[in-house]
């Protein structure tokens, strides 16, 4: 008998933790959506980095490919273009180009997953 009650207590504790996590995700989602809708000029300028993340790796790769394919007899452009392409690929792997809407979408997906799980538990 006591093991069944202990199991229910443990179940209630886990369910409470799940509810707290769900509430936290909902709060984050609302905060991110409110931040992304800010229309103040000064704030919008400072938040533009989060809205439109720069892509240095992609830009470097494009420039490298353009330089690499320029025809010239000495191969100098190949010696410059190939390392630029490789550096661009490295930057793409290392650079986090996520924007604020990306974070909001991921948070909404997590909130949806938690709420689906909570619905199936009950």
PDB file of N, CA and C in Angstrom:
ATOM      1  N   UNK A   1       0.811  -1.178   0.000  1.00  0.00           N
ATOM      2  CA  UNK A   1       0.000   0.000   0.000  1.00  0.00           C
ATOM      3  C   UNK A   1       0.863   1.253   0.000  1.00  0.00           C
ATOM      4  N   UNK A   2       1.901   1.278   0.857  1.00  0.00           N
ATOM      5  CA  UNK A   2       2.735   2.471   0.973  1.00  0.00           C
ATOM      6  C   UNK A   2       3.514   2.726  -0.320  1.00  0.00           C
ATOM      7  N   UNK A   3       3.867   1.677  -1.062  1.00  0.00           N
ATOM      8  CA  UNK A   3       4.594   1.889  -2.317  1.00  0.00           C
ATOM      9  C   UNK A   3       3.694   2.540  -3.359  1.00  0.00           C
ATOM     10  N   UNK A   4       2.406   2.229  -3.340  1.00  0.00           N
ATOM     11  CA  UNK A   4       1.478   2.843  -4.283  1.00  0.00           C
ATOM     12  C   UNK A   4       1.321   4.326  -3.955  1.00  0.00           C
ATOM     13  N   UNK A   5       1.190   4.676  -2.687  1.00  0.00           N
ATOM     14  CA  UNK A   5       1.055   6.067  -2.276  1.00  0.00           C
ATOM     15  C   UNK A   5       2.343   6.830  -2.563  1.00  0.00           C
ATOM     16  N   UNK A   6       3.477   6.198  -2.301  1.00  0.00           N
ATOM     17  CA  UNK A   6       4.759   6.832  -2.594  1.00  0.00           C
ATOM     18  C   UNK A   6       4.873   7.099  -4.093  1.00  0.00           C
ATOM     19  N   UNK A   7       4.413   6.150  -4.894  1.00  0.00           N
ATOM     20  CA  UNK A   7       4.440   6.329  -6.341  1.00  0.00           C
ATOM     21  C   UNK A   7       3.576   7.502  -6.770  1.00  0.00           C
ATOM     22  N   UNK A   8       2.417   7.667  -6.159  1.00  0.00           N
ATOM     23  CA  UNK A   8       1.534   8.787  -6.485  1.00  0.00           C
ATOM     24  C   UNK A   8       2.165  10.112  -6.063  1.00  0.00           C
ATOM     25  N   UNK A   9       2.827  10.126  -4.879  1.00  0.00           N
ATOM     26  CA  UNK A   9       3.496  11.348  -4.441  1.00  0.00           C
ATOM     27  C   UNK A   9       4.605  11.735  -5.417  1.00  0.00           C
ATOM     28  N   UNK A  10       5.358  10.749  -5.841  1.00  0.00           N
ATOM     29  CA  UNK A  10       6.431  11.006  -6.809  1.00  0.00           C
ATOM     30  C   UNK A  10       5.836  11.500  -8.129  1.00  0.00           C
ATOM     31  N   UNK A  11       4.724  10.913  -8.516  1.00  0.00           N
ATOM     32  CA  UNK A  11       4.033  11.318  -9.741  1.00  0.00           C
ATOM     33  C   UNK A  11       3.555  12.771  -9.616  1.00  0.00           C
ATOM     34  N   UNK A  12       3.012  13.129  -8.466  1.00  0.00           N
ATOM     35  CA  UNK A  12       2.535  14.494  -8.237  1.00  0.00           C
ATOM     36  C   UNK A  12       3.695  15.497  -8.274  1.00  0.00           C
ATOM     37  N   UNK A  13       4.844  15.111  -7.701  1.00  0.00           N
ATOM     38  CA  UNK A  13       6.017  15.987  -7.723  1.00  0.00           C
ATOM     39  C   UNK A  13       6.486  16.231  -9.158  1.00  0.00           C
ATOM     40  N   UNK A  14       6.547  15.168  -9.940  1.00  0.00           N
ATOM     41  CA  UNK A  14       6.988  15.300 -11.326  1.00  0.00           C
ATOM     42  C   UNK A  14       5.991  16.119 -12.133  1.00  0.00           C
ATOM     43  N   UNK A  15       4.712  15.920 -11.873  1.00  0.00           N
ATOM     44  CA  UNK A  15       3.691  16.676 -12.570  1.00  0.00           C
ATOM     45  C   UNK A  15       3.769  18.160 -12.211  1.00  0.00           C
ATOM     46  N   UNK A  16       4.059  18.446 -10.949  1.00  0.00           N
ATOM     47  CA  UNK A  16       4.215  19.847 -10.521  1.00  0.00           C
ATOM     48  C   UNK A  16       5.413  20.490 -11.215  1.00  0.00           C
ATOM     49  N   UNK A  17       6.521  19.762 -11.318  1.00  0.00           N
ATOM     50  CA  UNK A  17       7.702  20.286 -12.014  1.00  0.00           C
ATOM     51  C   UNK A  17       7.379  20.553 -13.483  1.00  0.00           C
ATOM     52  N   UNK A  18       6.594  19.651 -14.089  1.00  0.00           N
ATOM     53  CA  UNK A  18       6.218  19.805 -15.487  1.00  0.00           C
ATOM     54  C   UNK A  18       5.338  21.041 -15.673  1.00  0.00           C
ATOM     55  N   UNK A  19       4.415  21.271 -14.737  1.00  0.00           N
ATOM     56  CA  UNK A  19       3.557  22.456 -14.812  1.00  0.00           C
ATOM     57  C   UNK A  19       4.378  23.726 -14.666  1.00  0.00           C
ATOM     58  N   UNK A  20       5.351  23.717 -13.754  1.00  0.00           N
ATOM     59  CA  UNK A  20       6.211  24.891 -13.581  1.00  0.00           C
ATOM     60  C   UNK A  20       7.027  25.165 -14.837  1.00  0.00           C
ATOM     61  N   UNK A  21       7.536  24.113 -15.459  1.00  0.00           N
ATOM     62  CA  UNK A  21       8.307  24.281 -16.698  1.00  0.00           C
ATOM     63  C   UNK A  21       7.414  24.829 -17.804  1.00  0.00           C
ATOM     64  N   UNK A  22       6.189  24.346 -17.867  1.00  0.00           N
ATOM     65  CA  UNK A  22       5.249  24.824 -18.883  1.00  0.00           C
ATOM     66  C   UNK A  22       4.944  26.303 -18.686  1.00  0.00           C
ATOM     67  N   UNK A  23       4.723  26.719 -17.440  1.00  0.00           N
ATOM     68  CA  UNK A  23       4.458  28.132 -17.163  1.00  0.00           C
ATOM     69  C   UNK A  23       5.658  28.997 -17.519  1.00  0.00           C
ATOM     70  N   UNK A  24       6.851  28.504 -17.245  1.00  0.00           N
ATOM     71  CA  UNK A  24       8.070  29.245 -17.571  1.00  0.00           C
ATOM     72  C   UNK A  24       8.205  29.435 -19.080  1.00  0.00           C
ATOM     73  N   UNK A  25       7.925  28.387 -19.834  1.00  0.00           N
ATOM     74  CA  UNK A  25       8.014  28.475 -21.295  1.00  0.00           C
ATOM     75  C   UNK A  25       6.970  29.453 -21.823  1.00  0.00           C
ATOM     76  N   UNK A  26       5.778  29.439 -21.253  1.00  0.00           N
ATOM     77  CA  UNK A  26       4.736  30.375 -21.696  1.00  0.00           C
ATOM     78  C   UNK A  26       5.152  31.815 -21.418  1.00  0.00           C
ATOM     79  N   UNK A  27       5.755  32.059 -20.251  1.00  0.00           N
ATOM     80  CA  UNK A  27       6.218  33.409 -19.932  1.00  0.00           C
ATOM     81  C   UNK A  27       7.299  33.854 -20.915  1.00  0.00           C
ATOM     82  N   UNK A  28       8.238  32.977 -21.205  1.00  0.00           N
ATOM     83  CA  UNK A  28       9.310  33.314 -22.149  1.00  0.00           C
ATOM     84  C   UNK A  28       8.740  33.610 -23.526  1.00  0.00           C
ATOM     85  N   UNK A  29       7.768  32.803 -23.949  1.00  0.00           N
ATOM     86  CA  UNK A  29       7.159  33.010 -25.258  1.00  0.00           C
ATOM     87  C   UNK A  29       6.506  34.382 -25.337  1.00  0.00           C
ATOM     88  N   UNK A  30       5.783  34.753 -24.298  1.00  0.00           N
ATOM     89  CA  UNK A  30       5.121  36.059 -24.327  1.00  0.00           C
ATOM     90  C   UNK A  30       6.145  37.187 -24.308  1.00  0.00           C
ATOM     91  N   UNK A  31       7.220  37.025 -23.551  1.00  0.00           N
ATOM     92  CA  UNK A  31       8.263  38.063 -23.509  1.00  0.00           C
ATOM     93  C   UNK A  31       8.918  38.212 -24.877  1.00  0.00           C
ATOM     94  N   UNK A  32       9.283  37.091 -25.500  1.00  0.00           N
ATOM     95  CA  UNK A  32       9.930  37.163 -26.810  1.00  0.00           C
ATOM     96  C   UNK A  32       9.002  37.764 -27.857  1.00  0.00           C
ATOM     97  N   UNK A  33       7.722  37.414 -27.815  1.00  0.00           N
ATOM     98  CA  UNK A  33       6.806  37.974 -28.808  1.00  0.00           C
ATOM     99  C   UNK A  33       6.602  39.469 -28.581  1.00  0.00           C
ATOM    100  N   UNK A  34       6.582  39.903 -27.324  1.00  0.00           N
ATOM    101  CA  UNK A  34       6.460  41.337 -27.047  1.00  0.00           C
ATOM    102  C   UNK A  34       7.715  42.089 -27.492  1.00  0.00           C
ATOM    103  N   UNK A  35       8.866  41.518 -27.267  1.00  0.00           N
ATOM    104  CA  UNK A  35      10.117  42.171 -27.667  1.00  0.00           C
ATOM    105  C   UNK A  35      10.198  42.293 -29.181  1.00  0.00           C
ATOM    106  N   UNK A  36       9.761  41.275 -29.902  1.00  0.00           N
ATOM    107  CA  UNK A  36       9.869  41.325 -31.360  1.00  0.00           C
ATOM    108  C   UNK A  36       8.890  42.316 -31.976  1.00  0.00           C
ATOM    109  N   UNK A  37       7.900  42.771 -31.230  1.00  0.00           N
ATOM    110  CA  UNK A  37       6.929  43.726 -31.761  1.00  0.00           C
ATOM    111  C   UNK A  37       7.210  45.168 -31.358  1.00  0.00           C
ATOM    112  N   UNK A  38       8.374  45.453 -30.813  1.00  0.00           N
ATOM    113  CA  UNK A  38       8.712  46.809 -30.395  1.00  0.00           C
ATOM    114  C   UNK A  38       8.879  47.699 -31.629  1.00  0.00           C
ATOM    115  N   UNK A  39       8.235  48.880 -31.613  1.00  0.00           N
ATOM    116  CA  UNK A  39       8.298  49.785 -32.758  1.00  0.00           C
ATOM    117  C   UNK A  39       9.015  51.098 -32.459  1.00  0.00           C
ATOM    118  N   UNK A  40       9.562  51.268 -31.282  1.00  0.00           N
ATOM    119  CA  UNK A  40      10.310  52.466 -30.945  1.00  0.00           C
ATOM    120  C   UNK A  40      11.559  52.533 -31.822  1.00  0.00           C
ATOM    121  N   UNK A  41      11.832  53.702 -32.419  1.00  0.00           N
ATOM    122  CA  UNK A  41      12.952  53.809 -33.367  1.00  0.00           C
ATOM    123  C   UNK A  41      14.295  53.484 -32.721  1.00  0.00           C
ATOM    124  N   UNK A  42      14.558  54.059 -31.554  1.00  0.00           N
ATOM    125  CA  UNK A  42      15.849  53.841 -30.911  1.00  0.00           C
ATOM    126  C   UNK A  42      15.990  52.386 -30.454  1.00  0.00           C
ATOM    127  N   UNK A  43      14.940  51.849 -29.903  1.00  0.00           N
ATOM    128  CA  UNK A  43      14.994  50.461 -29.447  1.00  0.00           C
ATOM    129  C   UNK A  43      15.061  49.521 -30.636  1.00  0.00           C
ATOM    130  N   UNK A  44      14.331  49.845 -31.685  1.00  0.00           N
ATOM    131  CA  UNK A  44      14.341  48.999 -32.882  1.00  0.00           C
ATOM    132  C   UNK A  44      15.724  48.941 -33.507  1.00  0.00           C
ATOM    133  N   UNK A  45      16.446  50.076 -33.478  1.00  0.00           N
ATOM    134  CA  UNK A  45      17.803  50.058 -34.037  1.00  0.00           C
ATOM    135  C   UNK A  45      18.716  49.150 -33.223  1.00  0.00           C
ATOM    136  N   UNK A  46      18.605  49.227 -31.904  1.00  0.00           N
ATOM    137  CA  UNK A  46      19.469  48.396 -31.075  1.00  0.00           C
ATOM    138  C   UNK A  46      19.062  46.930 -31.133  1.00  0.00           C
ATOM    139  N   UNK A  47      17.799  46.663 -31.423  1.00  0.00           N
ATOM    140  CA  UNK A  47      17.330  45.273 -31.496  1.00  0.00           C
ATOM    141  C   UNK A  47      17.471  44.689 -32.899  1.00  0.00           C
ATOM    142  N   UNK A  48      17.890  45.500 -33.870  1.00  0.00           N
ATOM    143  CA  UNK A  48      17.968  45.009 -35.246  1.00  0.00           C
ATOM    144  C   UNK A  48      18.950  43.855 -35.383  1.00  0.00           C
ATOM    145  N   UNK A  49      19.948  43.813 -34.537  1.00  0.00           N
ATOM    146  CA  UNK A  49      20.904  42.708 -34.582  1.00  0.00           C
ATOM    147  C   UNK A  49      20.201  41.397 -34.248  1.00  0.00           C
ATOM    148  N   UNK A  50      19.267  41.465 -33.304  1.00  0.00           N
ATOM    149  CA  UNK A  50      18.538  40.250 -32.946  1.00  0.00           C
ATOM    150  C   UNK A  50      17.490  39.883 -33.990  1.00  0.00           C
ATOM    151  N   UNK A  51      17.008  40.864 -34.732  1.00  0.00           N
ATOM    152  CA  UNK A  51      16.005  40.584 -35.753  1.00  0.00           C
ATOM    153  C   UNK A  51      16.635  40.087 -37.042  1.00  0.00           C
ATOM    154  N   UNK A  52      17.764  40.668 -37.401  1.00  0.00           N
ATOM    155  CA  UNK A  52      18.449  40.298 -38.640  1.00  0.00           C
ATOM    156  C   UNK A  52      19.895  39.999 -38.302  1.00  0.00           C
ATOM    157  N   UNK A  53      20.201  38.766 -38.059  1.00  0.00           N
ATOM    158  CA  UNK A  53      21.560  38.396 -37.693  1.00  0.00           C
ATOM    159  C   UNK A  53      22.453  38.430 -38.930  1.00  0.00           C
ATOM    160  N   UNK A  54      23.627  39.028 -38.811  1.00  0.00           N
ATOM    161  CA  UNK A  54      24.542  39.038 -39.955  1.00  0.00           C
ATOM    162  C   UNK A  54      25.088  37.633 -40.216  1.00  0.00           C
ATOM    163  N   UNK A  55      25.464  37.396 -41.445  1.00  0.00           N
ATOM    164  CA  UNK A  55      25.971  36.088 -41.835  1.00  0.00           C
ATOM    165  C   UNK A  55      27.360  36.249 -42.440  1.00  0.00           C
ATOM    166  N   UNK A  56      28.389  36.417 -41.589  1.00  0.00           N
ATOM    167  CA  UNK A  56      29.720  36.647 -42.143  1.00  0.00           C
ATOM    168  C   UNK A  56      30.263  35.449 -42.903  1.00  0.00           C
ATOM    169  N   UNK A  57      29.916  34.240 -42.469  1.00  0.00           N
ATOM    170  CA  UNK A  57      30.418  33.041 -43.150  1.00  0.00           C
ATOM    171  C   UNK A  57      29.883  32.928 -44.564  1.00  0.00           C
ATOM    172  N   UNK A  58      28.589  33.171 -44.720  1.00  0.00           N
ATOM    173  CA  UNK A  58      27.985  33.085 -46.054  1.00  0.00           C
ATOM    174  C   UNK A  58      28.525  34.154 -46.984  1.00  0.00           C
ATOM    175  N   UNK A  59      28.689  35.356 -46.446  1.00  0.00           N
ATOM    176  CA  UNK A  59      29.223  36.443 -47.267  1.00  0.00           C
ATOM    177  C   UNK A  59      30.653  36.151 -47.692  1.00  0.00           C
ATOM    178  N   UNK A  60      31.443  35.624 -46.758  1.00  0.00           N
ATOM    179  CA  UNK A  60      32.836  35.323 -47.080  1.00  0.00           C
ATOM    180  C   UNK A  60      32.918  34.215 -48.127  1.00  0.00           C
ATOM    181  N   UNK A  61      32.027  33.221 -48.023  1.00  0.00           N
ATOM    182  CA  UNK A  61      32.018  32.149 -49.020  1.00  0.00           C
ATOM    183  C   UNK A  61      31.671  32.686 -50.398  1.00  0.00           C
ATOM    184  N   UNK A  62      30.661  33.558 -50.477  1.00  0.00           N
ATOM    185  CA  UNK A  62      30.263  34.112 -51.770  1.00  0.00           C
ATOM    186  C   UNK A  62      31.402  34.895 -52.394  1.00  0.00           C
ATOM    187  N   UNK A  63      32.053  35.727 -51.598  1.00  0.00           N
ATOM    188  CA  UNK A  63      33.181  36.511 -52.116  1.00  0.00           C
ATOM    189  C   UNK A  63      34.312  35.583 -52.545  1.00  0.00           C
ATOM    190  N   UNK A  64      34.563  34.543 -51.744  1.00  0.00           N
ATOM    191  CA  UNK A  64      35.607  33.573 -52.094  1.00  0.00           C
ATOM    192  C   UNK A  64      35.323  32.877 -53.408  1.00  0.00           C
ATOM    193  N   UNK A  65      34.061  32.469 -53.634  1.00  0.00           N
ATOM    194  CA  UNK A  65      33.708  31.813 -54.901  1.00  0.00           C
ATOM    195  C   UNK A  65      33.854  32.773 -56.076  1.00  0.00           C
ATOM    196  N   UNK A  66      33.462  34.017 -55.880  1.00  0.00           N
ATOM    197  CA  UNK A  66      33.604  35.002 -56.962  1.00  0.00           C
ATOM    198  C   UNK A  66      35.078  35.193 -57.304  1.00  0.00           C
ATOM    199  N   UNK A  67      35.910  35.366 -56.284  1.00  0.00           N
ATOM    200  CA  UNK A  67      37.348  35.542 -56.523  1.00  0.00           C
ATOM    201  C   UNK A  67      37.953  34.277 -57.125  1.00  0.00           C
ATOM    202  N   UNK A  68      37.525  33.119 -56.654  1.00  0.00           N
ATOM    203  CA  UNK A  68      38.079  31.850 -57.127  1.00  0.00           C
ATOM    204  C   UNK A  68      37.815  31.636 -58.615  1.00  0.00           C
ATOM    205  N   UNK A  69      36.642  32.066 -59.086  1.00  0.00           N
ATOM    206  CA  UNK A  69      36.279  31.815 -60.481  1.00  0.00           C
ATOM    207  C   UNK A  69      36.682  32.941 -61.432  1.00  0.00           C
ATOM    208  N   UNK A  70      37.392  33.962 -60.944  1.00  0.00           N
ATOM    209  CA  UNK A  70      37.891  35.010 -61.836  1.00  0.00           C
ATOM    210  C   UNK A  70      39.057  34.421 -62.640  1.00  0.00           C
ATOM    211  N   UNK A  71      38.952  34.446 -63.957  1.00  0.00           N
ATOM    212  CA  UNK A  71      40.042  33.886 -64.759  1.00  0.00           C
ATOM    213  C   UNK A  71      41.253  34.828 -64.804  1.00  0.00           C
ATOM    214  N   UNK A  72      42.393  34.306 -64.451  1.00  0.00           N
ATOM    215  CA  UNK A  72      43.656  35.043 -64.575  1.00  0.00           C
ATOM    216  C   UNK A  72      44.784  34.016 -64.645  1.00  0.00           C
ATOM    217  N   UNK A  73      45.871  34.318 -65.328  1.00  0.00           N
ATOM    218  CA  UNK A  73      46.892  33.304 -65.643  1.00  0.00           C
ATOM    219  C   UNK A  73      47.798  32.901 -64.478  1.00  0.00           C
ATOM    220  N   UNK A  74      47.922  33.682 -63.432  1.00  0.00           N
ATOM    221  CA  UNK A  74      48.912  33.389 -62.403  1.00  0.00           C
ATOM    222  C   UNK A  74      48.373  32.569 -61.235  1.00  0.00           C
ATOM    223  N   UNK A  75      47.081  32.447 -61.089  1.00  0.00           N
ATOM    224  CA  UNK A  75      46.495  31.655 -60.000  1.00  0.00           C
ATOM    225  C   UNK A  75      46.461  32.366 -58.657  1.00  0.00           C
ATOM    226  N   UNK A  76      46.663  33.668 -58.665  1.00  0.00           N
ATOM    227  CA  UNK A  76      46.630  34.418 -57.403  1.00  0.00           C
ATOM    228  C   UNK A  76      45.225  34.423 -56.830  1.00  0.00           C
ATOM    229  N   UNK A  77      44.240  34.553 -57.701  1.00  0.00           N
ATOM    230  CA  UNK A  77      42.862  34.582 -57.204  1.00  0.00           C
ATOM    231  C   UNK A  77      42.469  33.235 -56.601  1.00  0.00           C
ATOM    232  N   UNK A  78      43.016  32.154 -57.145  1.00  0.00           N
ATOM    233  CA  UNK A  78      42.751  30.833 -56.551  1.00  0.00           C
ATOM    234  C   UNK A  78      43.376  30.727 -55.171  1.00  0.00           C
ATOM    235  N   UNK A  79      44.554  31.302 -55.012  1.00  0.00           N
ATOM    236  CA  UNK A  79      45.236  31.255 -53.717  1.00  0.00           C
ATOM    237  C   UNK A  79      44.511  32.111 -52.679  1.00  0.00           C
ATOM    238  N   UNK A  80      43.767  33.108 -53.118  1.00  0.00           N
ATOM    239  CA  UNK A  80      43.008  33.953 -52.195  1.00  0.00           C
ATOM    240  C   UNK A  80      41.600  33.405 -51.983  1.00  0.00           C
ATOM    241  N   UNK A  81      40.963  32.962 -53.060  1.00  0.00           N
ATOM    242  CA  UNK A  81      39.568  32.533 -53.002  1.00  0.00           C
ATOM    243  C   UNK A  81      39.344  31.260 -52.206  1.00  0.00           C
ATOM    244  N   UNK A  82      40.212  30.254 -52.387  1.00  0.00           N
ATOM    245  CA  UNK A  82      40.020  28.971 -51.695  1.00  0.00           C
ATOM    246  C   UNK A  82      40.070  29.116 -50.169  1.00  0.00           C
ATOM    247  N   UNK A  83      41.050  29.826 -49.602  1.00  0.00           N
ATOM    248  CA  UNK A  83      41.021  30.004 -48.150  1.00  0.00           C
ATOM    249  C   UNK A  83      39.805  30.796 -47.655  1.00  0.00           C
ATOM    250  N   UNK A  84      39.329  31.722 -48.478  1.00  0.00           N
ATOM    251  CA  UNK A  84      38.129  32.470 -48.080  1.00  0.00           C
ATOM    252  C   UNK A  84      36.911  31.551 -48.025  1.00  0.00           C
ATOM    253  N   UNK A  85      36.821  30.643 -48.964  1.00  0.00           N
ATOM    254  CA  UNK A  85      35.704  29.690 -48.960  1.00  0.00           C
ATOM    255  C   UNK A  85      35.781  28.817 -47.712  1.00  0.00           C
ATOM    256  N   UNK A  86      36.964  28.304 -47.414  1.00  0.00           N
ATOM    257  CA  UNK A  86      37.130  27.452 -46.228  1.00  0.00           C
ATOM    258  C   UNK A  86      36.857  28.225 -44.936  1.00  0.00           C
ATOM    259  N   UNK A  87      37.326  29.457 -44.870  1.00  0.00           N
ATOM    260  CA  UNK A  87      37.071  30.275 -43.676  1.00  0.00           C
ATOM    261  C   UNK A  87      35.575  30.561 -43.533  1.00  0.00           C
ATOM    262  N   UNK A  88      34.894  30.778 -44.640  1.00  0.00           N
ATOM    263  CA  UNK A  88      33.452  30.996 -44.599  1.00  0.00           C
ATOM    264  C   UNK A  88      32.695  29.785 -44.091  1.00  0.00           C
ATOM    265  N   UNK A  89      33.122  28.600 -44.529  1.00  0.00           N
ATOM    266  CA  UNK A  89      32.487  27.366 -44.040  1.00  0.00           C
ATOM    267  C   UNK A  89      32.725  27.186 -42.547  1.00  0.00           C
ATOM    268  N   UNK A  90      33.932  27.507 -42.109  1.00  0.00           N
ATOM    269  CA  UNK A  90      34.247  27.404 -40.675  1.00  0.00           C
ATOM    270  C   UNK A  90      33.386  28.370 -39.870  1.00  0.00           C
ATOM    271  N   UNK A  91      33.255  29.613 -40.353  1.00  0.00           N
ATOM    272  CA  UNK A  91      32.432  30.598 -39.649  1.00  0.00           C
ATOM    273  C   UNK A  91      30.965  30.186 -39.610  1.00  0.00           C
ATOM    274  N   UNK A  92      30.476  29.564 -40.678  1.00  0.00           N
ATOM    275  CA  UNK A  92      29.086  29.096 -40.691  1.00  0.00           C
ATOM    276  C   UNK A  92      28.845  28.057 -39.606  1.00  0.00           C
ATOM    277  N   UNK A  93      29.835  27.206 -39.376  1.00  0.00           N
ATOM    278  CA  UNK A  93      29.681  26.175 -38.345  1.00  0.00           C
ATOM    279  C   UNK A  93      29.786  26.756 -36.944  1.00  0.00           C
ATOM    280  N   UNK A  94      30.641  27.752 -36.755  1.00  0.00           N
ATOM    281  CA  UNK A  94      30.902  28.301 -35.429  1.00  0.00           C
ATOM    282  C   UNK A  94      29.992  29.464 -35.045  1.00  0.00           C
ATOM    283  N   UNK A  95      29.495  30.198 -36.025  1.00  0.00           N
ATOM    284  CA  UNK A  95      28.723  31.405 -35.750  1.00  0.00           C
ATOM    285  C   UNK A  95      27.250  31.060 -35.529  1.00  0.00           C
ATOM    286  N   UNK A  96      26.678  31.591 -34.469  1.00  0.00           N
ATOM    287  CA  UNK A  96      25.268  31.379 -34.179  1.00  0.00           C
ATOM    288  C   UNK A  96      24.478  32.517 -34.811  1.00  0.00           C
ATOM    289  N   UNK A  97      23.811  32.233 -35.903  1.00  0.00           N
ATOM    290  CA  UNK A  97      23.075  33.262 -36.611  1.00  0.00           C
ATOM    291  C   UNK A  97      21.597  33.274 -36.295  1.00  0.00           C
ATOM    292  N   UNK A  98      21.223  32.757 -35.134  1.00  0.00           N
ATOM    293  CA  UNK A  98      19.792  32.730 -34.816  1.00  0.00           C
ATOM    294  C   UNK A  98      19.311  34.126 -34.455  1.00  0.00           C
ATOM    295  N   UNK A  99      18.092  34.415 -34.852  1.00  0.00           N
ATOM    296  CA  UNK A  99      17.490  35.709 -34.583  1.00  0.00           C
ATOM    297  C   UNK A  99      16.425  35.563 -33.513  1.00  0.00           C
ATOM    298  N   UNK A 100      15.901  36.667 -33.061  1.00  0.00           N
ATOM    299  CA  UNK A 100      14.867  36.656 -32.034  1.00  0.00           C
ATOM    300  C   UNK A 100      13.623  35.881 -32.464  1.00  0.00           C
ATOM    301  N   UNK A 101      13.135  36.043 -33.695  1.00  0.00           N
ATOM    302  CA  UNK A 101      11.989  35.218 -34.103  1.00  0.00           C
ATOM    303  C   UNK A 101      12.296  33.712 -34.082  1.00  0.00           C
ATOM    304  N   UNK A 102      13.537  33.326 -34.395  1.00  0.00           N
ATOM    305  CA  UNK A 102      13.910  31.912 -34.322  1.00  0.00           C
ATOM    306  C   UNK A 102      13.796  31.395 -32.895  1.00  0.00           C
ATOM    307  N   UNK A 103      14.247  32.200 -31.940  1.00  0.00           N
ATOM    308  CA  UNK A 103      14.171  31.809 -30.534  1.00  0.00           C
ATOM    309  C   UNK A 103      12.715  31.707 -30.103  1.00  0.00           C
ATOM    310  N   UNK A 104      11.894  32.659 -30.543  1.00  0.00           N
ATOM    311  CA  UNK A 104      10.470  32.623 -30.215  1.00  0.00           C
ATOM    312  C   UNK A 104       9.779  31.398 -30.785  1.00  0.00           C
ATOM    313  N   UNK A 105      10.122  31.038 -32.029  1.00  0.00           N
ATOM    314  CA  UNK A 105       9.520  29.843 -32.651  1.00  0.00           C
ATOM    315  C   UNK A 105       9.915  28.586 -31.892  1.00  0.00           C
ATOM    316  N   UNK A 106      11.186  28.477 -31.519  1.00  0.00           N
ATOM    317  CA  UNK A 106      11.638  27.302 -30.766  1.00  0.00           C
ATOM    318  C   UNK A 106      10.943  27.228 -29.413  1.00  0.00           C
ATOM    319  N   UNK A 107      10.766  28.364 -28.766  1.00  0.00           N
ATOM    320  CA  UNK A 107      10.089  28.382 -27.468  1.00  0.00           C
ATOM    321  C   UNK A 107       8.633  27.991 -27.612  1.00  0.00           C
ATOM    322  N   UNK A 108       7.970  28.484 -28.659  1.00  0.00           N
ATOM    323  CA  UNK A 108       6.571  28.104 -28.893  1.00  0.00           C
ATOM    324  C   UNK A 108       6.450  26.607 -29.164  1.00  0.00           C
ATOM    325  N   UNK A 109       7.396  26.055 -29.925  1.00  0.00           N
ATOM    326  CA  UNK A 109       7.375  24.607 -30.182  1.00  0.00           C
ATOM    327  C   UNK A 109       7.535  23.825 -28.885  1.00  0.00           C
ATOM    328  N   UNK A 110       8.431  24.279 -28.009  1.00  0.00           N
ATOM    329  CA  UNK A 110       8.615  23.609 -26.716  1.00  0.00           C
ATOM    330  C   UNK A 110       7.355  23.702 -25.869  1.00  0.00           C
ATOM    331  N   UNK A 111       6.704  24.867 -25.866  1.00  0.00           N
ATOM    332  CA  UNK A 111       5.472  25.042 -25.097  1.00  0.00           C
ATOM    333  C   UNK A 111       4.385  24.119 -25.635  1.00  0.00           C
ATOM    334  N   UNK A 112       4.307  24.008 -26.950  1.00  0.00           N
ATOM    335  CA  UNK A 112       3.309  23.125 -27.563  1.00  0.00           C
ATOM    336  C   UNK A 112       3.582  21.660 -27.204  1.00  0.00           C
ATOM    337  N   UNK A 113       4.832  21.259 -27.240  1.00  0.00           N
ATOM    338  CA  UNK A 113       5.199  19.885 -26.894  1.00  0.00           C
ATOM    339  C   UNK A 113       4.875  19.586 -25.434  1.00  0.00           C
ATOM    340  N   UNK A 114       5.192  20.513 -24.543  1.00  0.00           N
ATOM    341  CA  UNK A 114       4.903  20.306 -23.123  1.00  0.00           C
ATOM    342  C   UNK A 114       3.404  20.226 -22.888  1.00  0.00           C
ATOM    343  N   UNK A 115       2.640  21.105 -23.538  1.00  0.00           N
ATOM    344  CA  UNK A 115       1.190  21.067 -23.328  1.00  0.00           C
ATOM    345  C   UNK A 115       0.586  19.786 -23.899  1.00  0.00           C
ATOM    346  N   UNK A 116       1.097  19.309 -25.037  1.00  0.00           N
ATOM    347  CA  UNK A 116       0.610  18.013 -25.568  1.00  0.00           C
ATOM    348  C   UNK A 116       0.910  16.882 -24.608  1.00  0.00           C
ATOM    349  N   UNK A 117       2.120  16.886 -24.047  1.00  0.00           N
ATOM    350  CA  UNK A 117       2.494  15.838 -23.097  1.00  0.00           C
ATOM    351  C   UNK A 117       1.608  15.902 -21.862  1.00  0.00           C
ATOM    352  N   UNK A 118       1.355  17.118 -21.397  1.00  0.00           N
ATOM    353  CA  UNK A 118       0.515  17.306 -20.200  1.00  0.00           C
ATOM    354  C   UNK A 118      -0.906  16.816 -20.485  1.00  0.00           C
ATOM    355  N   UNK A 119      -1.422  17.083 -21.696  1.00  0.00           N
ATOM    356  CA  UNK A 119      -2.761  16.625 -22.061  1.00  0.00           C
ATOM    357  C   UNK A 119      -2.848  15.104 -22.120  1.00  0.00           C
ATOM    358  N   UNK A 120      -1.787  14.460 -22.585  1.00  0.00           N
ATOM    359  CA  UNK A 120      -1.814  12.997 -22.667  1.00  0.00           C
ATOM    360  C   UNK A 120      -1.669  12.355 -21.286  1.00  0.00           C
ATOM    361  N   UNK A 121      -1.009  13.047 -20.351  1.00  0.00           N
ATOM    362  CA  UNK A 121      -0.844  12.506 -18.999  1.00  0.00           C
ATOM    363  C   UNK A 121      -2.190  12.483 -18.281  1.00  0.00           C
ATOM    364  N   UNK A 122      -2.985  13.536 -18.480  1.00  0.00           N
ATOM    365  CA  UNK A 122      -4.270  13.603 -17.793  1.00  0.00           C
ATOM    366  C   UNK A 122      -5.246  12.799 -18.535  1.00  0.00           C
TER     367      UNK A 122
END
